[in-house]
Amino acid sequence: MKSPITGLPMRLSSEVRNLPFQNTIVQIDYQFYLCNTTGERFVTTTLDELNLQRLKQAR
């Protein structure tokens, strides 16, 4: 995916996040694209759905 800010390619990255879900905190490996130039993080609809699926499975 290319950065909407710089137009340069971004790498797929991930980090462990603790997210609230249904009155509890759930830990998942959250995936996103990272712009090396600006440090901004972006997700596509597909990554959003994947992250949500991981959240539901982890509870």
Protein backbone atom coordinates (compact mmCIF):
# COMPACT_ATOMS: atom_id res chain seq x y z
CA MET A 1 0.00 0.00 0.00
CA LYS A 2 1.20 3.51 -0.74
CA SER A 3 0.99 6.30 1.81
CA PRO A 4 -1.85 8.72 1.08
CA ILE A 5 0.40 11.49 2.42
CA THR A 6 3.73 10.85 0.65
CA GLY A 7 2.78 8.40 -2.11
CA LEU A 8 5.65 6.14 -1.01
CA PRO A 9 5.24 2.41 -0.27
CA MET A 10 4.48 1.51 3.34
CA ARG A 11 5.36 -1.69 5.18
CA LEU A 12 2.88 -3.90 6.98
CA SER A 13 3.56 -3.69 10.71
CA SER A 14 2.00 -4.97 13.90
CA GLU A 15 2.03 -4.37 17.62
CA VAL A 16 0.43 -5.92 20.66
CA ARG A 17 -2.48 -3.80 21.85
CA ASN A 18 -4.79 -4.02 24.83
CA LEU A 19 -8.25 -3.04 23.60
CA PRO A 20 -11.56 -2.77 25.45
CA PHE A 21 -14.19 -5.19 24.17
CA GLN A 22 -17.49 -6.10 25.82
CA ASN A 23 -16.58 -4.83 29.30
CA THR A 24 -13.13 -6.46 29.34
CA ILE A 25 -9.63 -5.75 28.06
CA VAL A 26 -8.44 -8.02 25.26
CA GLN A 27 -4.87 -8.32 23.98
CA ILE A 28 -4.38 -8.77 20.22
CA ASP A 29 -1.67 -8.47 17.61
CA TYR A 30 -2.96 -5.35 15.80
CA GLN A 31 -1.88 -4.96 12.15
CA PHE A 32 -1.48 -1.68 10.24
CA TYR A 33 0.56 -0.01 7.52
CA LEU A 34 3.31 2.33 8.75
CA CYS A 35 4.51 5.35 6.77
CA ASN A 36 8.27 5.53 7.34
CA THR A 37 8.41 9.23 6.48
CA THR A 38 5.62 10.59 8.69
CA GLY A 39 5.16 7.80 11.24
CA GLU A 40 1.41 7.78 10.51
CA ARG A 41 -0.44 4.47 10.72
CA PHE A 42 -3.12 3.39 8.28
CA VAL A 43 -5.48 0.44 7.94
CA THR A 44 -7.45 -0.83 4.99
CA THR A 45 -10.97 -2.22 5.26
CA THR A 46 -9.47 -5.71 5.05
CA LEU A 47 -7.05 -5.05 7.93
CA ASP A 48 -9.86 -3.49 9.97
CA GLU A 49 -11.94 -6.63 9.51
CA LEU A 50 -8.96 -8.86 10.39
CA ASN A 51 -8.23 -6.86 13.56
CA LEU A 52 -11.90 -7.02 14.56
CA GLN A 53 -11.98 -10.78 13.95
CA ARG A 54 -8.89 -11.20 16.17
CA LEU A 55 -10.57 -9.12 18.86
CA LYS A 56 -13.68 -11.31 18.80
CA GLN A 57 -11.62 -14.53 18.90
CA ALA A 58 -9.43 -13.38 21.78
CA ARG A 59 -12.25 -12.69 24.22
